[in-house]
Amino acid sequence: MQQGLAAPMWRAIGAYRIASLLYVMVLIVRNVDQYANPLAAGPALALMVGWTAFATAAFARPAWRRWPLLIADLAVALAVVVASPYVVGQGPLNAGVPTLAVAWLGAPVLAWAVSGGRRRGLTAALLLGTADIVVRDRLHPSTLNGFALMVLAGFVVGLVARLAADAEERMQRAIELEAATRERERLARDIHDSVLQVLALVQRRGAQLPGEAGELARLAGQQEAKLRMLIADGPSGPPPGEEGEADLRAVLGRFASDTVSIASPATPVPLPVRAAEAVGAAVRATLDNVDRHAGPAARAWVLLEDDDAAITVSIRDDGPGFPDGRLEEAASQGRLGVAQSVRGRIADLGGTAEIYSKPGEGTEVELHIPRH
């Protein structure tokens, strides 16, 4: 758990240790005349005082909150519980007199819960609660109540600690996203005032020029469109490689240019981040094929459709197309671009990629990705 929200919890556990120790002292002073070995209560109390001072200081250091300290904390509490029949006596324990530790037992449970969530908290509570029951020959209602409260404390505090950690991670991601968005907006203003205006001017002035000058103007127009799309796109979801969902519309929108048109629904098309990345890579590979085989002047249209069962992405171009069997021939020659870059990626998502083409009629690629 990160330090922002963890630090107050550890300080609260330290305060609980001290307050519960004072409570133990009061009970020992009040009940010591009922103990079977009252003189042994002194060393037991000294152990609790010393460990409280050490543990409070040790858990205040994040680097020390590891298994050795957690296990030692639990072991000291168990030792105090196990010593209770000798110090207090079996008769008083059976009559309902609390063990030496009393509420002090809760500190290790809270420490385990905050360090590792509800499972750790429950583990520590069950170990200490079971030990408190085992040292007695006869169960007493107060013992069962204490056991139940300790288990509930371990579960609830562990759950709250885990929720707090998740909330802090989400807040950190939101802060990073806001910072990235502000930087994008700053860069967009600077680029708009300089690079985009120059590219637009080059395209307008050179569009009617013959030869290489006209080709450079056309390329300048393409780069202007791509750059505008790049700086206009906000983040579509969590960073690549992280869990969460991304809007497929934003992923595909990055491919828009003066020769590539994107049509998508008005509402978001959410997909797991890794799936959205794979679909985007398959579309990019398809558009690269269009540029490579149909020429840079060929136009392409990308249509994104979404329904309850599946997502369909269609990529159509006005290139020369190719005859039946051409893809199989290319695969047999070891050229596996379509097989691996397009079909392989979509197959990994449980979907299919269909390719339709005829000479002189362009090519259409349909990617079907099931919602599950």
Protein backbone atom coordinates (compact mmCIF):
# COMPACT_ATOMS: atom_id res chain seq x y z
CA MET A 1 0.00 0.00 0.00
CA GLN A 2 1.34 3.43 -0.89
CA GLN A 3 2.41 5.88 1.75
CA GLY A 4 -0.22 8.57 1.21
CA LEU A 5 -3.10 6.78 2.94
CA ALA A 6 -1.07 4.08 4.72
CA ALA A 7 0.82 6.43 7.02
CA PRO A 8 -2.26 7.61 9.00
CA MET A 9 -3.39 3.98 9.42
CA TRP A 10 -0.03 2.92 10.85
CA ARG A 11 -0.06 5.90 13.20
CA ALA A 12 -3.54 4.87 14.34
CA ILE A 13 -2.31 1.31 15.01
CA GLY A 14 0.55 2.75 17.08
CA ALA A 15 -1.92 4.78 19.12
CA TYR A 16 -4.08 1.67 19.56
CA ARG A 17 -1.08 -0.29 20.88
CA ILE A 18 -0.40 2.31 23.53
CA ALA A 19 -4.06 2.73 24.54
CA SER A 20 -4.65 -1.04 24.73
CA LEU A 21 -1.46 -1.46 26.80
CA LEU A 22 -2.75 1.08 29.32
CA TYR A 23 -6.00 -0.87 29.49
CA VAL A 24 -4.05 -4.10 30.11
CA MET A 25 -2.14 -2.42 32.93
CA VAL A 26 -5.37 -1.35 34.62
CA LEU A 27 -6.82 -4.89 34.39
CA ILE A 28 -3.64 -6.52 35.69
CA VAL A 29 -3.51 -4.16 38.68
CA ARG A 30 -7.18 -4.80 39.40
CA ASN A 31 -7.08 -8.59 39.00
CA VAL A 32 -3.56 -9.46 40.11
CA ASP A 33 -4.77 -10.73 43.50
CA GLN A 34 -6.83 -13.37 41.65
CA TYR A 35 -3.86 -14.66 39.62
CA ALA A 36 -2.34 -18.03 40.36
CA ASN A 37 1.22 -16.58 40.04
CA PRO A 38 0.95 -12.84 40.54
CA LEU A 39 4.74 -12.35 40.54
CA ALA A 40 4.91 -13.72 36.98
CA ALA A 41 2.59 -10.94 35.83
CA GLY A 42 5.50 -8.45 36.15
CA PRO A 43 7.74 -10.04 33.47
CA ALA A 44 4.76 -10.55 31.18
CA LEU A 45 3.78 -6.91 31.52
CA ALA A 46 7.38 -5.83 30.95
CA LEU A 47 7.44 -7.85 27.74
CA MET A 48 4.28 -6.14 26.50
CA VAL A 49 5.60 -2.68 27.43
CA GLY A 50 8.93 -3.29 25.70
CA TRP A 51 7.37 -4.79 22.58
CA THR A 52 4.81 -1.97 22.36
CA ALA A 53 7.59 0.62 22.40
CA PHE A 54 9.66 -1.28 19.82
CA ALA A 55 6.76 -2.20 17.51
CA THR A 56 5.35 1.34 17.53
CA ALA A 57 8.70 2.71 16.40
CA ALA A 58 9.41 -0.15 13.97
CA PHE A 59 6.07 -0.03 12.15
CA ALA A 60 6.51 3.73 11.74
CA ARG A 61 9.31 2.90 9.26
CA PRO A 62 7.91 1.73 5.91
CA ALA A 63 11.02 -0.32 5.11
CA TRP A 64 10.49 -2.44 8.26
CA ARG A 65 6.88 -3.42 7.51
CA ARG A 66 7.86 -6.80 6.18
CA TRP A 67 7.24 -10.42 7.08
CA PRO A 68 9.93 -10.66 9.82
CA LEU A 69 8.38 -7.84 11.84
CA LEU A 70 4.81 -9.00 11.19
CA ILE A 71 5.61 -12.57 12.27
CA ALA A 72 7.48 -11.36 15.35
CA ASP A 73 4.52 -9.15 16.30
CA LEU A 74 2.17 -12.12 16.05
CA ALA A 75 4.59 -14.40 17.92
CA VAL A 76 4.90 -12.04 20.90
CA ALA A 77 1.11 -11.80 21.18
CA LEU A 78 0.81 -15.60 21.01
CA ALA A 79 3.48 -15.96 23.70
CA VAL A 80 1.52 -13.69 26.04
CA VAL A 81 -1.66 -15.70 25.42
CA VAL A 82 0.11 -19.04 25.99
CA ALA A 83 1.62 -17.72 29.25
CA SER A 84 -1.80 -16.71 30.58
CA PRO A 85 -2.76 -20.13 32.10
CA TYR A 86 0.46 -20.12 34.13
CA VAL A 87 0.18 -16.49 35.28
CA VAL A 88 -3.58 -16.09 35.62
CA GLY A 89 -4.42 -19.72 36.40
CA GLN A 90 -6.78 -22.14 34.70
CA GLY A 91 -9.58 -21.61 37.18
CA PRO A 92 -9.89 -17.82 36.71
CA LEU A 93 -9.61 -18.25 32.93
CA ASN A 94 -12.46 -20.77 32.93
CA ALA A 95 -14.49 -18.36 35.02
CA GLY A 96 -14.16 -15.68 32.34
CA VAL A 97 -11.15 -13.69 33.58
CA PRO A 98 -9.44 -12.35 30.44
CA THR A 99 -5.98 -13.45 29.36
CA LEU A 100 -3.07 -11.12 29.99
CA ALA A 101 -3.21 -9.59 26.53
CA VAL A 102 -6.95 -8.71 26.41
CA ALA A 103 -7.44 -5.93 23.81
CA TRP A 104 -3.68 -5.77 23.19
CA LEU A 105 -4.19 -8.82 20.93
CA GLY A 106 -5.89 -6.60 18.39
CA ALA A 107 -2.70 -4.71 17.42
CA PRO A 108 -1.08 -7.57 15.42
CA VAL A 109 -4.43 -8.25 13.72
CA LEU A 110 -4.70 -4.63 12.63
CA ALA A 111 -1.08 -4.58 11.46
CA TRP A 112 -1.57 -7.69 9.36
CA ALA A 113 -4.82 -6.33 7.91
CA VAL A 114 -3.34 -2.97 6.89
CA SER A 115 -0.21 -4.58 5.43
CA GLY A 116 -1.98 -7.18 3.30
CA GLY A 117 -5.74 -6.73 3.22
CA ARG A 118 -8.61 -8.77 4.62
CA ARG A 119 -7.03 -12.20 4.05
CA ARG A 120 -4.01 -11.38 6.18
CA GLY A 121 -6.19 -9.74 8.79
CA LEU A 122 -8.43 -12.82 8.98
CA THR A 123 -5.39 -15.11 9.24
CA ALA A 124 -3.94 -13.21 12.21
CA ALA A 125 -7.36 -12.95 13.89
CA LEU A 126 -8.02 -16.68 13.54
CA LEU A 127 -4.59 -17.62 14.90
CA LEU A 128 -4.83 -15.36 17.96
CA GLY A 129 -8.51 -16.07 18.57
CA THR A 130 -7.94 -19.83 18.38
CA ALA A 131 -5.02 -19.58 20.80
CA ASP A 132 -7.18 -17.57 23.23
CA ILE A 133 -9.82 -20.35 23.11
CA VAL A 134 -7.35 -23.24 23.37
CA VAL A 135 -5.76 -22.02 26.61
CA ARG A 136 -9.12 -22.35 28.37
CA ASP A 137 -10.67 -25.62 29.52
CA ARG A 138 -14.15 -24.19 29.23
CA LEU A 139 -15.58 -21.63 26.84
CA HIS A 140 -17.14 -18.47 28.20
CA PRO A 141 -19.51 -16.13 26.29
CA SER A 142 -17.08 -13.23 26.69
CA THR A 143 -14.36 -15.32 25.03
CA LEU A 144 -16.54 -16.05 22.00
CA ASN A 145 -17.53 -12.39 21.77
CA GLY A 146 -13.88 -11.36 21.79
CA PHE A 147 -13.05 -13.92 19.12
CA ALA A 148 -15.89 -12.71 16.87
CA LEU A 149 -14.91 -9.05 17.30
CA MET A 150 -11.30 -9.78 16.45
CA VAL A 151 -12.26 -11.67 13.28
CA LEU A 152 -14.57 -8.85 12.23
CA ALA A 153 -11.86 -6.27 12.89
CA GLY A 154 -9.37 -8.20 10.78
CA PHE A 155 -11.80 -8.51 7.89
CA VAL A 156 -13.19 -4.97 7.95
CA VAL A 157 -9.90 -3.16 8.49
CA GLY A 158 -8.23 -5.29 5.82
CA LEU A 159 -11.03 -4.50 3.39
CA VAL A 160 -10.84 -0.78 4.12
CA ALA A 161 -7.05 -0.83 3.72
CA ARG A 162 -7.31 -2.52 0.34
CA LEU A 163 -10.02 -0.13 -0.85
CA ALA A 164 -7.90 2.81 0.29
CA ALA A 165 -4.90 1.45 -1.64
CA ASP A 166 -7.00 1.03 -4.79
CA ALA A 167 -8.44 4.52 -4.40
CA GLU A 168 -4.96 5.98 -4.02
CA GLU A 169 -3.73 4.20 -7.16
CA ARG A 170 -6.71 5.50 -9.12
CA MET A 171 -6.11 9.02 -7.80
CA GLN A 172 -2.45 8.84 -8.82
CA ARG A 173 -3.42 7.68 -12.30
CA ALA A 174 -5.95 10.51 -12.56
CA ILE A 175 -3.28 13.05 -11.56
CA GLU A 176 -0.88 11.65 -14.16
CA LEU A 177 -3.63 11.69 -16.79
CA GLU A 178 -4.48 15.31 -15.99
CA ALA A 179 -0.81 16.30 -16.22
CA ALA A 180 -0.46 14.48 -19.56
CA THR A 181 -3.62 16.18 -20.88
CA ARG A 182 -2.37 19.62 -19.89
CA GLU A 183 0.98 18.97 -21.56
CA ARG A 184 -0.82 17.74 -24.69
CA GLU A 185 -2.91 20.91 -24.76
CA ARG A 186 0.20 23.07 -24.38
CA LEU A 187 1.97 21.22 -27.21
CA ALA A 188 -1.17 21.43 -29.34
CA ARG A 189 -1.23 25.22 -29.01
CA ASP A 190 2.44 25.53 -29.92
CA ILE A 191 2.15 23.10 -32.85
CA HIS A 192 -1.00 24.77 -34.13
CA ASP A 193 0.68 28.18 -34.14
CA SER A 194 3.72 26.93 -36.03
CA VAL A 195 3.99 23.50 -37.66
CA LEU A 196 0.34 23.01 -38.68
CA GLN A 197 0.08 26.44 -40.27
CA VAL A 198 3.25 25.87 -42.27
CA LEU A 199 2.08 22.43 -43.48
CA ALA A 200 -1.32 23.82 -44.43
CA LEU A 201 0.36 26.65 -46.34
CA VAL A 202 2.61 24.19 -48.20
CA GLN A 203 -0.39 22.07 -49.17
CA ARG A 204 -2.43 25.03 -50.43
CA ARG A 205 0.40 26.66 -52.40
CA GLY A 206 1.75 23.44 -53.88
CA ALA A 207 -1.43 21.47 -54.55
CA GLN A 208 -1.62 22.63 -58.19
CA LEU A 209 2.08 22.35 -58.94
CA PRO A 210 3.20 19.55 -61.27
CA GLY A 211 5.70 16.80 -60.58
CA GLU A 212 7.56 16.37 -57.33
CA ALA A 213 6.45 19.72 -55.93
CA GLY A 214 2.82 18.63 -56.09
CA GLU A 215 3.71 15.29 -54.49
CA LEU A 216 5.48 17.09 -51.62
CA ALA A 217 2.42 19.28 -51.13
CA ARG A 218 0.21 16.19 -50.97
CA LEU A 219 2.51 14.57 -48.41
CA ALA A 220 2.49 17.78 -46.38
CA GLY A 221 -1.31 17.63 -46.34
CA GLN A 222 -1.23 14.03 -45.12
CA GLN A 223 1.14 14.89 -42.30
CA GLU A 224 -0.96 17.88 -41.32
CA ALA A 225 -4.07 15.67 -41.00
CA LYS A 226 -2.22 13.05 -38.99
CA LEU A 227 -0.67 15.66 -36.71
CA ARG A 228 -4.01 17.33 -36.10
CA MET A 229 -5.53 13.97 -35.16
CA LEU A 230 -2.60 13.17 -32.88
CA ILE A 231 -2.82 16.36 -30.86
CA ALA A 232 -6.64 16.28 -30.82
CA ASP A 233 -6.84 12.75 -29.40
CA GLY A 234 -7.21 12.55 -25.67
CA PRO A 235 -6.09 9.46 -23.79
CA SER A 236 -8.41 6.59 -24.77
CA GLY A 237 -7.93 4.56 -21.61
CA PRO A 238 -5.27 3.33 -19.21
CA PRO A 239 -1.65 3.34 -20.41
CA PRO A 240 -0.67 0.46 -22.72
CA GLY A 241 -0.11 -2.81 -20.87
CA GLU A 242 -2.33 -1.87 -17.92
CA GLU A 243 -5.66 -3.37 -17.07
CA GLY A 244 -8.86 -1.48 -17.84
CA GLU A 245 -10.81 -0.45 -20.92
CA ALA A 246 -10.06 1.78 -23.90
CA ASP A 247 -12.40 3.41 -26.40
CA LEU A 248 -11.77 1.72 -29.75
CA ARG A 249 -13.04 4.83 -31.55
CA ALA A 250 -10.06 6.82 -30.26
CA VAL A 251 -7.63 4.04 -31.12
CA LEU A 252 -8.82 3.89 -34.74
CA GLY A 253 -9.20 7.66 -34.98
CA ARG A 254 -5.43 8.04 -34.98
CA PHE A 255 -5.30 6.56 -38.49
CA ALA A 256 -7.47 9.29 -40.04
CA SER A 257 -5.84 11.33 -42.81
CA ASP A 258 -6.72 12.94 -46.10
CA THR A 259 -6.73 9.47 -47.70
CA VAL A 260 -8.18 7.47 -44.79
CA SER A 261 -11.73 8.13 -43.61
CA ILE A 262 -12.96 6.81 -40.26
CA ALA A 263 -16.65 6.20 -39.49
CA SER A 264 -17.59 5.12 -35.98
CA PRO A 265 -20.61 5.12 -33.62
CA ALA A 266 -21.52 8.20 -31.63
CA THR A 267 -21.13 6.34 -28.33
CA PRO A 268 -17.92 4.82 -26.91
CA VAL A 269 -16.87 1.33 -28.00
CA PRO A 270 -15.08 -0.02 -24.92
CA LEU A 271 -12.66 -2.93 -25.13
CA PRO A 272 -10.00 -4.25 -22.77
CA VAL A 273 -6.82 -2.27 -23.37
CA ARG A 274 -4.84 -5.21 -24.76
CA ALA A 275 -7.68 -6.13 -27.12
CA ALA A 276 -8.00 -2.54 -28.35
CA GLU A 277 -4.24 -2.42 -28.95
CA ALA A 278 -4.41 -5.66 -30.96
CA VAL A 279 -7.32 -4.42 -33.12
CA GLY A 280 -5.51 -1.13 -33.71
CA ALA A 281 -2.35 -2.99 -34.76
CA ALA A 282 -4.33 -5.15 -37.19
CA VAL A 283 -5.97 -2.08 -38.76
CA ARG A 284 -2.61 -0.33 -39.01
CA ALA A 285 -1.11 -3.39 -40.75
CA THR A 286 -4.04 -3.42 -43.20
CA LEU A 287 -3.62 0.29 -44.01
CA ASP A 288 0.12 -0.25 -44.48
CA ASN A 289 -0.74 -2.92 -47.04
CA VAL A 290 -3.01 -0.48 -48.82
CA ASP A 291 -0.24 2.10 -48.98
CA ARG A 292 2.32 -0.50 -50.09
CA HIS A 293 0.30 -2.26 -52.80
CA ALA A 294 -2.24 0.33 -53.93
CA GLY A 295 0.03 3.36 -53.73
CA PRO A 296 0.06 6.45 -51.46
CA ALA A 297 -2.76 8.08 -53.45
CA ALA A 298 -5.22 5.23 -52.82
CA ARG A 299 -8.12 6.00 -50.54
CA ALA A 300 -9.29 3.80 -47.67
CA TRP A 301 -12.42 3.78 -45.55
CA VAL A 302 -12.59 2.32 -42.02
CA LEU A 303 -16.03 1.53 -40.60
CA LEU A 304 -16.46 0.59 -36.93
CA GLU A 305 -19.71 -1.16 -35.93
CA ASP A 306 -20.71 -2.26 -32.43
CA ASP A 307 -23.53 -4.50 -31.26
CA ASP A 308 -24.21 -6.60 -28.17
CA ALA A 309 -22.47 -9.72 -29.48
CA ALA A 310 -19.47 -8.50 -31.46
CA ILE A 311 -17.47 -5.59 -32.82
CA THR A 312 -16.86 -5.35 -36.57
CA VAL A 313 -14.17 -3.26 -38.22
CA SER A 314 -14.29 -3.00 -42.02
CA ILE A 315 -11.38 -1.58 -44.03
CA ARG A 316 -12.09 -0.96 -47.73
CA ASP A 317 -9.80 0.60 -50.34
CA ASP A 318 -10.03 1.64 -54.01
CA GLY A 319 -6.79 -0.06 -54.99
CA PRO A 320 -6.25 -2.54 -57.82
CA GLY A 321 -7.26 -5.60 -55.77
CA PHE A 322 -5.80 -9.06 -56.34
CA PRO A 323 -6.95 -12.42 -57.74
CA ASP A 324 -8.14 -15.44 -55.74
CA GLY A 325 -5.34 -17.48 -54.23
CA ARG A 326 -2.90 -14.57 -54.02
CA LEU A 327 -2.80 -14.61 -50.20
CA GLU A 328 -2.23 -18.36 -50.11
CA GLU A 329 0.55 -18.02 -52.65
CA ALA A 330 2.21 -15.29 -50.59
CA ALA A 331 1.97 -17.43 -47.44
CA SER A 332 3.54 -20.41 -49.24
CA GLN A 333 6.45 -18.14 -50.21
CA GLY A 334 7.00 -17.20 -46.56
CA ARG A 335 5.38 -13.75 -46.78
CA LEU A 336 3.16 -13.91 -43.71
CA GLY A 337 2.27 -10.24 -43.24
CA VAL A 338 -1.51 -10.67 -43.51
CA ALA A 339 -1.53 -14.06 -41.78
CA GLN A 340 0.40 -12.87 -38.75
CA SER A 341 -0.22 -9.13 -38.53
CA VAL A 342 -3.95 -9.25 -39.22
CA ARG A 343 -5.45 -12.73 -38.94
CA GLY A 344 -3.12 -13.83 -36.16
CA ARG A 345 -3.90 -10.85 -33.94
CA ILE A 346 -7.65 -11.16 -34.40
CA ALA A 347 -7.56 -14.95 -33.89
CA ASP A 348 -5.81 -14.38 -30.55
CA LEU A 349 -8.90 -12.39 -29.51
CA GLY A 350 -11.21 -15.24 -30.55
CA GLY A 351 -12.31 -13.38 -33.67
CA THR A 352 -12.01 -13.79 -37.42
CA ALA A 353 -10.58 -11.76 -40.30
CA GLU A 354 -12.21 -12.08 -43.72
CA ILE A 355 -10.60 -10.65 -46.87
CA TYR A 356 -12.52 -9.98 -50.09
CA SER A 357 -10.86 -8.77 -53.28
CA LYS A 358 -11.12 -8.89 -57.06
CA PRO A 359 -8.80 -7.41 -59.65
CA GLY A 360 -9.79 -3.85 -60.40
CA GLU A 361 -12.36 -3.68 -57.56
CA GLY A 362 -10.24 -2.93 -54.54
CA THR A 363 -10.02 -4.91 -51.32
CA GLU A 364 -12.18 -5.17 -48.22
CA VAL A 365 -11.04 -6.60 -44.88
CA GLU A 366 -13.62 -7.39 -42.18
CA LEU A 367 -12.47 -7.97 -38.62
CA HIS A 368 -15.03 -9.59 -36.27
CA ILE A 369 -14.20 -9.48 -32.55
CA PRO A 370 -16.60 -11.19 -30.12
CA ARG A 371 -17.61 -9.19 -27.06
CA HIS A 372 -16.60 -11.96 -24.64
